C-alpha atoms as a PDB file:
ATOM      1  CA  UNK A   1       9.698  10.089  -6.412  1.00  0.00           C
ATOM      2  CA  UNK A   2       7.434  10.549  -9.711  1.00  0.00           C
ATOM      3  CA  UNK A   3       4.508   8.268  -9.312  1.00  0.00           C
ATOM      4  CA  UNK A   4       1.844   7.038 -11.869  1.00  0.00           C
ATOM      5  CA  UNK A   5      -1.437   5.497 -11.273  1.00  0.00           C
ATOM      6  CA  UNK A   6      -3.267   2.765 -13.076  1.00  0.00           C
ATOM      7  CA  UNK A   7      -6.375   1.160 -12.239  1.00  0.00           C
ATOM      8  CA  UNK A   8      -8.859  -1.350 -13.871  1.00  0.00           C
ATOM      9  CA  UNK A   9     -11.985  -2.493 -12.543  1.00  0.00           C
ATOM     10  CA  UNK A  10     -13.632  -5.703 -13.406  1.00  0.00           C
ATOM     11  CA  UNK A  11     -17.077  -6.508 -14.720  1.00  0.00           C
ATOM     12  CA  UNK A  12     -19.397  -8.803 -13.675  1.00  0.00           C
ATOM     13  CA  UNK A  13     -22.233  -9.758 -10.968  1.00  0.00           C
ATOM     14  CA  UNK A  14     -20.222  -8.509  -8.319  1.00  0.00           C
ATOM     15  CA  UNK A  15     -18.600  -5.434  -9.983  1.00  0.00           C
ATOM     16  CA  UNK A  16     -20.193  -2.237  -9.404  1.00  0.00           C
ATOM     17  CA  UNK A  17     -20.422   1.232 -11.188  1.00  0.00           C
ATOM     18  CA  UNK A  18     -17.816   3.706 -10.441  1.00  0.00           C
ATOM     19  CA  UNK A  19     -16.513   6.626 -11.250  1.00  0.00           C
ATOM     20  CA  UNK A  20     -13.031   6.710 -13.166  1.00  0.00           C
ATOM     21  CA  UNK A  21     -10.910   9.666 -14.209  1.00  0.00           C
ATOM     22  CA  UNK A  22      -7.713   8.877 -16.222  1.00  0.00           C
ATOM     23  CA  UNK A  23      -4.927  11.410 -17.221  1.00  0.00           C
ATOM     24  CA  UNK A  24      -1.923  10.914 -19.601  1.00  0.00           C
ATOM     25  CA  UNK A  25       0.592  13.387 -19.964  1.00  0.00           C
ATOM     26  CA  UNK A  26       4.736  13.215 -21.073  1.00  0.00           C
ATOM     27  CA  UNK A  27       6.428  14.873 -18.667  1.00  0.00           C
ATOM     28  CA  UNK A  28      10.315  15.891 -18.925  1.00  0.00           C
ATOM     29  CA  UNK A  29      12.585  13.483 -16.756  1.00  0.00           C
ATOM     30  CA  UNK A  30      16.476  13.580 -16.422  1.00  0.00           C
ATOM     31  CA  UNK A  31      18.570  10.200 -15.881  1.00  0.00           C
ATOM     32  CA  UNK A  32      21.600   9.841 -13.720  1.00  0.00           C
ATOM     33  CA  UNK A  33      23.846  10.730 -16.467  1.00  0.00           C
ATOM     34  CA  UNK A  34      21.947  14.309 -16.949  1.00  0.00           C
ATOM     35  CA  UNK A  35      20.021  13.360 -20.051  1.00  0.00           C
ATOM     36  CA  UNK A  36      16.696  14.461 -20.592  1.00  0.00           C
ATOM     37  CA  UNK A  37      14.243  11.524 -21.081  1.00  0.00           C
ATOM     38  CA  UNK A  38      10.447  11.646 -21.839  1.00  0.00           C
ATOM     39  CA  UNK A  39       8.523   9.303 -19.357  1.00  0.00           C
ATOM     40  CA  UNK A  40       4.648   8.613 -19.718  1.00  0.00           C
ATOM     41  CA  UNK A  41       2.724   9.227 -16.981  1.00  0.00           C
ATOM     42  CA  UNK A  42      -0.777   7.814 -16.140  1.00  0.00           C
ATOM     43  CA  UNK A  43      -2.906   8.724 -13.460  1.00  0.00           C
ATOM     44  CA  UNK A  44      -6.616   7.070 -12.688  1.00  0.00           C
ATOM     45  CA  UNK A  45      -8.938   7.436  -9.458  1.00  0.00           C
ATOM     46  CA  UNK A  46     -11.945   4.784  -9.171  1.00  0.00           C
ATOM     47  CA  UNK A  47     -14.810   5.070  -6.563  1.00  0.00           C
ATOM     48  CA  UNK A  48     -16.722   2.309  -5.227  1.00  0.00           C
ATOM     49  CA  UNK A  49     -19.261   2.302  -2.861  1.00  0.00           C
ATOM     50  CA  UNK A  50     -18.279   0.233   0.523  1.00  0.00           C
ATOM     51  CA  UNK A  51     -20.060  -0.318   3.856  1.00  0.00           C
ATOM     52  CA  UNK A  52     -18.291   0.743   6.749  1.00  0.00           C
ATOM     53  CA  UNK A  53     -16.825  -1.822   9.083  1.00  0.00           C
ATOM     54  CA  UNK A  54     -15.968  -4.280   6.019  1.00  0.00           C
ATOM     55  CA  UNK A  55     -12.696  -6.015   5.042  1.00  0.00           C
ATOM     56  CA  UNK A  56     -10.436  -4.281   2.627  1.00  0.00           C
ATOM     57  CA  UNK A  57      -7.649  -6.627   1.256  1.00  0.00           C
ATOM     58  CA  UNK A  58      -4.700  -5.465  -0.590  1.00  0.00           C
ATOM     59  CA  UNK A  59      -2.448  -7.743  -2.353  1.00  0.00           C
ATOM     60  CA  UNK A  60       0.451  -7.866  -4.819  1.00  0.00           C
ATOM     61  CA  UNK A  61       1.566  -4.319  -4.354  1.00  0.00           C
ATOM     62  CA  UNK A  62       4.769  -2.880  -4.393  1.00  0.00           C
ATOM     63  CA  UNK A  63       6.162   0.614  -4.495  1.00  0.00           C
ATOM     64  CA  UNK A  64       4.762   3.426  -2.041  1.00  0.00           C
ATOM     65  CA  UNK A  65       1.314   2.077  -0.884  1.00  0.00           C
ATOM     66  CA  UNK A  66      -0.777   4.703   1.142  1.00  0.00           C
ATOM     67  CA  UNK A  67      -4.207   3.927   3.127  1.00  0.00           C
ATOM     68  CA  UNK A  68      -6.110   6.478   4.632  1.00  0.00           C
ATOM     69  CA  UNK A  69      -9.420   6.175   6.847  1.00  0.00           C
ATOM     70  CA  UNK A  70     -12.444   8.753   6.430  1.00  0.00           C
ATOM     71  CA  UNK A  71     -15.709   9.151   7.177  1.00  0.00           C
ATOM     72  CA  UNK A  72     -17.485   8.213   3.271  1.00  0.00           C
ATOM     73  CA  UNK A  73     -19.246   4.906   2.704  1.00  0.00           C
ATOM     74  CA  UNK A  74     -17.143   4.246   0.068  1.00  0.00           C
ATOM     75  CA  UNK A  75     -13.504   3.072  -1.072  1.00  0.00           C
ATOM     76  CA  UNK A  76     -11.337   5.495  -3.442  1.00  0.00           C
ATOM     77  CA  UNK A  77      -8.720   3.912  -5.373  1.00  0.00           C
ATOM     78  CA  UNK A  78      -5.681   6.224  -6.939  1.00  0.00           C
ATOM     79  CA  UNK A  79      -2.825   4.681  -8.744  1.00  0.00           C
ATOM     80  CA  UNK A  80       0.020   6.382 -10.526  1.00  0.00           C
ATOM     81  CA  UNK A  81       2.557   4.466 -12.823  1.00  0.00           C
ATOM     82  CA  UNK A  82       5.462   5.676 -14.735  1.00  0.00           C
ATOM     83  CA  UNK A  83       8.531   3.969 -16.493  1.00  0.00           C
ATOM     84  CA  UNK A  84      11.655   3.906 -14.482  1.00  0.00           C
ATOM     85  CA  UNK A  85      15.109   5.353 -15.723  1.00  0.00           C
ATOM     86  CA  UNK A  86      16.569   3.054 -18.182  1.00  0.00           C
ATOM     87  CA  UNK A  87      13.309   2.211 -19.943  1.00  0.00           C
ATOM     88  CA  UNK A  88      12.347   3.140 -23.150  1.00  0.00           C
ATOM     89  CA  UNK A  89       8.909   5.139 -23.181  1.00  0.00           C
ATOM     90  CA  UNK A  90       6.483   2.500 -23.817  1.00  0.00           C
ATOM     91  CA  UNK A  91       2.729   2.479 -23.209  1.00  0.00           C
ATOM     92  CA  UNK A  92       2.311  -1.085 -23.660  1.00  0.00           C
ATOM     93  CA  UNK A  93       4.370  -1.626 -20.438  1.00  0.00           C
ATOM     94  CA  UNK A  94       2.424   0.541 -18.663  1.00  0.00           C
ATOM     95  CA  UNK A  95      -0.445  -1.255 -19.597  1.00  0.00           C
ATOM     96  CA  UNK A  96       0.741  -4.463 -18.509  1.00  0.00           C
ATOM     97  CA  UNK A  97       0.758  -3.677 -15.010  1.00  0.00           C
ATOM     98  CA  UNK A  98      -2.953  -3.343 -13.849  1.00  0.00           C
ATOM     99  CA  UNK A  99      -4.943  -2.854 -10.279  1.00  0.00           C
ATOM    100  CA  UNK A 100      -8.390  -4.617 -10.450  1.00  0.00           C
ATOM    101  CA  UNK A 101     -10.736  -3.965  -7.637  1.00  0.00           C
ATOM    102  CA  UNK A 102     -13.669  -6.630  -6.831  1.00  0.00           C
ATOM    103  CA  UNK A 103     -16.477  -6.303  -4.527  1.00  0.00           C
ATOM    104  CA  UNK A 104     -16.944  -9.732  -3.236  1.00  0.00           C
ATOM    105  CA  UNK A 105     -20.184  -8.983  -1.235  1.00  0.00           C
ATOM    106  CA  UNK A 106     -21.142  -5.234   0.400  1.00  0.00           C
ATOM    107  CA  UNK A 107     -18.557  -5.840   3.246  1.00  0.00           C
ATOM    108  CA  UNK A 108     -15.549  -7.100   1.262  1.00  0.00           C
ATOM    109  CA  UNK A 109     -13.462  -5.675  -1.272  1.00  0.00           C
ATOM    110  CA  UNK A 110     -10.105  -6.974  -2.709  1.00  0.00           C
ATOM    111  CA  UNK A 111      -7.490  -4.621  -4.397  1.00  0.00           C
ATOM    112  CA  UNK A 112      -5.157  -6.658  -6.501  1.00  0.00           C
ATOM    113  CA  UNK A 113      -2.197  -5.788  -8.681  1.00  0.00           C
ATOM    114  CA  UNK A 114      -1.510  -8.074 -11.569  1.00  0.00           C
ATOM    115  CA  UNK A 115       2.279  -7.709 -13.227  1.00  0.00           C
ATOM    116  CA  UNK A 116       3.910  -9.607 -16.307  1.00  0.00           C
ATOM    117  CA  UNK A 117       6.502 -11.939 -15.509  1.00  0.00           C
ATOM    118  CA  UNK A 118       9.663 -10.131 -15.593  1.00  0.00           C
ATOM    119  CA  UNK A 119      12.341 -10.658 -18.530  1.00  0.00           C
ATOM    120  CA  UNK A 120      15.366 -11.680 -17.087  1.00  0.00           C
ATOM    121  CA  UNK A 121      17.152 -12.229 -20.355  1.00  0.00           C
ATOM    122  CA  UNK A 122      16.216  -8.609 -21.249  1.00  0.00           C
ATOM    123  CA  UNK A 123      16.616  -7.146 -17.677  1.00  0.00           C
ATOM    124  CA  UNK A 124      18.180  -9.837 -15.748  1.00  0.00           C
ATOM    125  CA  UNK A 125      18.033  -7.429 -12.190  1.00  0.00           C
ATOM    126  CA  UNK A 126      14.879  -6.230 -13.133  1.00  0.00           C
ATOM    127  CA  UNK A 127      12.261  -5.702 -10.402  1.00  0.00           C
ATOM    128  CA  UNK A 128       8.582  -6.423 -10.117  1.00  0.00           C
ATOM    129  CA  UNK A 129       6.485  -4.721 -12.591  1.00  0.00           C
ATOM    130  CA  UNK A 130       9.084  -4.726 -15.653  1.00  0.00           C
ATOM    131  CA  UNK A 131      10.603  -1.242 -14.934  1.00  0.00           C
ATOM    132  CA  UNK A 132       7.121   0.567 -14.078  1.00  0.00           C
ATOM    133  CA  UNK A 133       7.097   2.347 -10.973  1.00  0.00           C
ATOM    134  CA  UNK A 134       3.753   2.488  -8.943  1.00  0.00           C
ATOM    135  CA  UNK A 135       2.058   4.562  -6.249  1.00  0.00           C
ATOM    136  CA  UNK A 136      -1.282   4.103  -4.509  1.00  0.00           C
ATOM    137  CA  UNK A 137      -3.484   6.265  -2.258  1.00  0.00           C
ATOM    138  CA  UNK A 138      -6.269   4.140  -1.086  1.00  0.00           C
ATOM    139  CA  UNK A 139      -9.160   5.620   1.269  1.00  0.00           C
ATOM    140  CA  UNK A 140     -11.142   3.630   3.131  1.00  0.00           C
ATOM    141  CA  UNK A 141     -13.542   3.911   5.566  1.00  0.00           C
ATOM    142  CA  UNK A 142     -12.143   4.373   8.965  1.00  0.00           C
ATOM    143  CA  UNK A 143     -13.244   1.610  10.700  1.00  0.00           C
ATOM    144  CA  UNK A 144     -12.790  -0.745   8.056  1.00  0.00           C
ATOM    145  CA  UNK A 145     -10.822  -4.173   8.681  1.00  0.00           C
ATOM    146  CA  UNK A 146      -7.488  -4.026   6.250  1.00  0.00           C
ATOM    147  CA  UNK A 147      -5.260  -6.722   5.227  1.00  0.00           C
ATOM    148  CA  UNK A 148      -2.097  -5.889   3.357  1.00  0.00           C
ATOM    149  CA  UNK A 149       0.455  -8.083   1.446  1.00  0.00           C
ATOM    150  CA  UNK A 150       3.120  -5.682   0.117  1.00  0.00           C
ATOM    151  CA  UNK A 151       6.153  -6.504  -1.986  1.00  0.00           C
ATOM    152  CA  UNK A 152       9.077  -4.049  -1.987  1.00  0.00           C
ATOM    153  CA  UNK A 153       8.523  -0.467  -0.897  1.00  0.00           C
ATOM    154  CA  UNK A 154       6.749   1.607   1.621  1.00  0.00           C
ATOM    155  CA  UNK A 155       3.808   0.904   3.064  1.00  0.00           C
ATOM    156  CA  UNK A 156       1.810   3.722   5.311  1.00  0.00           C
ATOM    157  CA  UNK A 157      -1.612   3.361   7.144  1.00  0.00           C
ATOM    158  CA  UNK A 158      -3.167   6.236   8.937  1.00  0.00           C
ATOM    159  CA  UNK A 159      -6.671   6.932  10.670  1.00  0.00           C
ATOM    160  CA  UNK A 160      -7.857   3.032  10.476  1.00  0.00           C
ATOM    161  CA  UNK A 161      -9.584   2.105  13.599  1.00  0.00           C
ATOM    162  CA  UNK A 162     -10.141  -1.730  12.742  1.00  0.00           C
ATOM    163  CA  UNK A 163      -8.326  -4.651  12.961  1.00  0.00           C
ATOM    164  CA  UNK A 164      -4.951  -4.209  10.556  1.00  0.00           C
ATOM    165  CA  UNK A 165      -2.678  -6.597   9.044  1.00  0.00           C
ATOM    166  CA  UNK A 166       0.201  -5.816   7.066  1.00  0.00           C
ATOM    167  CA  UNK A 167       2.984  -7.579   5.855  1.00  0.00           C
ATOM    168  CA  UNK A 168       6.286  -6.329   3.222  1.00  0.00           C
ATOM    169  CA  UNK A 169       9.090  -8.167   2.151  1.00  0.00           C
ATOM    170  CA  UNK A 170      11.483  -5.267   2.027  1.00  0.00           C
ATOM    171  CA  UNK A 171      11.300  -1.419   2.666  1.00  0.00           C
ATOM    172  CA  UNK A 172       9.164   0.350   5.723  1.00  0.00           C
ATOM    173  CA  UNK A 173       5.839   0.084   7.459  1.00  0.00           C
ATOM    174  CA  UNK A 174       4.538   3.550   8.822  1.00  0.00           C
ATOM    175  CA  UNK A 175       1.370   3.063  11.109  1.00  0.00           C
ATOM    176  CA  UNK A 176      -0.201   6.035  12.271  1.00  0.00           C
ATOM    177  CA  UNK A 177      -2.698   5.122  15.205  1.00  0.00           C
ATOM    178  CA  UNK A 178      -5.083   7.350  17.511  1.00  0.00           C
ATOM    179  CA  UNK A 179      -4.263   7.466  21.190  1.00  0.00           C
ATOM    180  CA  UNK A 180      -4.227   6.345  23.852  1.00  0.00           C
ATOM    181  CA  UNK A 181      -5.798   2.826  22.607  1.00  0.00           C
ATOM    182  CA  UNK A 182      -5.965   0.365  23.758  1.00  0.00           C
ATOM    183  CA  UNK A 183      -4.577  -1.900  20.922  1.00  0.00           C
ATOM    184  CA  UNK A 184      -3.666  -5.699  21.023  1.00  0.00           C
ATOM    185  CA  UNK A 185      -0.451  -5.023  18.708  1.00  0.00           C
ATOM    186  CA  UNK A 186       2.253  -7.560  17.344  1.00  0.00           C
ATOM    187  CA  UNK A 187       5.050  -6.127  15.104  1.00  0.00           C
ATOM    188  CA  UNK A 188       8.256  -7.872  14.075  1.00  0.00           C
ATOM    189  CA  UNK A 189      10.650  -7.097  11.767  1.00  0.00           C
ATOM    190  CA  UNK A 190      13.247  -9.907  10.822  1.00  0.00           C
ATOM    191  CA  UNK A 191      16.354  -7.446   9.734  1.00  0.00           C
ATOM    192  CA  UNK A 192      15.584  -3.958  11.041  1.00  0.00           C
ATOM    193  CA  UNK A 193      14.299  -1.982  14.023  1.00  0.00           C
ATOM    194  CA  UNK A 194      10.631  -1.306  15.489  1.00  0.00           C
ATOM    195  CA  UNK A 195       9.808   1.653  17.292  1.00  0.00           C
ATOM    196  CA  UNK A 196       6.591   2.532  18.941  1.00  0.00           C
ATOM    197  CA  UNK A 197       5.222   5.795  20.741  1.00  0.00           C
ATOM    198  CA  UNK A 198       2.904   3.284  22.904  1.00  0.00           C
ATOM    199  CA  UNK A 199       4.282   1.421  25.601  1.00  0.00           C
ATOM    200  CA  UNK A 200       4.749  -2.507  25.244  1.00  0.00           C
ATOM    201  CA  UNK A 201       7.401  -5.167  25.269  1.00  0.00           C
ATOM    202  CA  UNK A 202      10.389  -5.013  22.964  1.00  0.00           C
ATOM    203  CA  UNK A 203      12.781  -7.867  21.938  1.00  0.00           C
ATOM    204  CA  UNK A 204      15.411  -8.994  20.183  1.00  0.00           C
ATOM    205  CA  UNK A 205      14.472 -11.466  17.046  1.00  0.00           C
ATOM    206  CA  UNK A 206      16.300 -13.754  14.450  1.00  0.00           C
ATOM    207  CA  UNK A 207      19.638 -13.883  16.397  1.00  0.00           C
ATOM    208  CA  UNK A 208      19.473 -10.068  17.338  1.00  0.00           C
ATOM    209  CA  UNK A 209      19.061  -8.754  13.755  1.00  0.00           C
ATOM    210  CA  UNK A 210      15.616  -7.898  13.977  1.00  0.00           C
ATOM    211  CA  UNK A 211      13.298  -6.668  16.870  1.00  0.00           C
ATOM    212  CA  UNK A 212       9.634  -7.333  18.070  1.00  0.00           C
ATOM    213  CA  UNK A 213       7.228  -5.427  19.872  1.00  0.00           C
ATOM    214  CA  UNK A 214       4.409  -6.404  21.163  1.00  0.00           C
ATOM    215  CA  UNK A 215       1.463  -4.984  23.315  1.00  0.00           C
ATOM    216  CA  UNK A 216      -0.723  -7.661  25.548  1.00  0.00           C
ATOM    217  CA  UNK A 217      -4.329  -8.447  23.987  1.00  0.00           C
ATOM    218  CA  UNK A 218      -6.845  -5.955  25.283  1.00  0.00           C
ATOM    219  CA  UNK A 219     -10.597  -7.039  25.542  1.00  0.00           C
ATOM    220  CA  UNK A 220     -12.391  -5.571  22.335  1.00  0.00           C
ATOM    221  CA  UNK A 221      -9.668  -3.863  21.340  1.00  0.00           C
ATOM    222  CA  UNK A 222      -8.523  -3.643  17.606  1.00  0.00           C
ATOM    223  CA  UNK A 223      -6.020  -6.069  16.501  1.00  0.00           C
ATOM    224  CA  UNK A 224      -2.914  -4.934  14.754  1.00  0.00           C
ATOM    225  CA  UNK A 225      -0.325  -7.323  13.548  1.00  0.00           C
ATOM    226  CA  UNK A 226       2.607  -6.116  11.275  1.00  0.00           C
ATOM    227  CA  UNK A 227       5.528  -8.134   9.814  1.00  0.00           C
ATOM    228  CA  UNK A 228       8.595  -7.014   7.943  1.00  0.00           C
ATOM    229  CA  UNK A 229      11.341  -8.779   6.091  1.00  0.00           C
ATOM    230  CA  UNK A 230      13.894  -6.494   5.444  1.00  0.00           C
ATOM    231  CA  UNK A 231      13.116  -3.222   7.064  1.00  0.00           C
ATOM    232  CA  UNK A 232      11.890  -1.105   9.704  1.00  0.00           C
ATOM    233  CA  UNK A 233       8.490  -0.515  11.346  1.00  0.00           C
ATOM    234  CA  UNK A 234       7.648   2.807  13.170  1.00  0.00           C
ATOM    235  CA  UNK A 235       3.856   3.187  15.144  1.00  0.00           C
ATOM    236  CA  UNK A 236       3.592   6.616  15.812  1.00  0.00           C
ATOM    237  CA  UNK A 237       0.878   8.303  17.740  1.00  0.00           C
ATOM    238  CA  UNK A 238      -1.520  10.796  15.576  1.00  0.00           C
ATOM    239  CA  UNK A 239      -1.739  13.901  17.036  1.00  0.00           C
ATOM    240  CA  UNK A 240      -5.389  14.928  18.495  1.00  0.00           C
ATOM    241  CA  UNK A 241      -5.114  18.009  16.005  1.00  0.00           C
ATOM    242  CA  UNK A 242      -4.476  16.102  13.084  1.00  0.00           C
ATOM    243  CA  UNK A 243      -7.294  13.716  13.694  1.00  0.00           C
ATOM    244  CA  UNK A 244     -10.325  14.347  11.062  1.00  0.00           C
END
């Protein structure tokens, strides 16, 4: 998937100075009909100082979202935006989708995606973003608490050891956890499968069209709560050699 990233950092008494880089280029793409098209690609990266162990909230996102834990006391947000096939190249359309980072305190940060209302008259079946495809790569302190509310797309979380709550309306949730735990885990898909590398209790949900997987609560263990509307959830054990 060709991705493009956009980020906007608000200014105010709660805002932090951030390093920001933006690149733009026009690259040749091909439509399903084989016609060459020019798609504008925009990529930006913002870095914000952030205390380990704090709460990071991600809302309004769609497309491909990847969250990775690291040892630095900062959050790095890289966003890629591009126009989907069938949409005329339009810089203003890309600018209409913004990702806003707001630090409420030293230990609470929100990352919100703001999109214009879809034009159902021009594109009656168009999705969120009015034809703008988007991809996120977000790096946060490893022991952060993480809360995600995602629309349609793929959510992947790796190397985050704090509490995790993630919802997705349609797509897939992929979660890599350092073994062997313990974890207090509750994962449920209304219409789809739930798979896990960890032992737990599996059951059918919603008239046998979905699944639920639960690892009973363990004292002082990270709490993980995953919910999927239409799609699958996969919980994987991170190999020891892959842990950084």
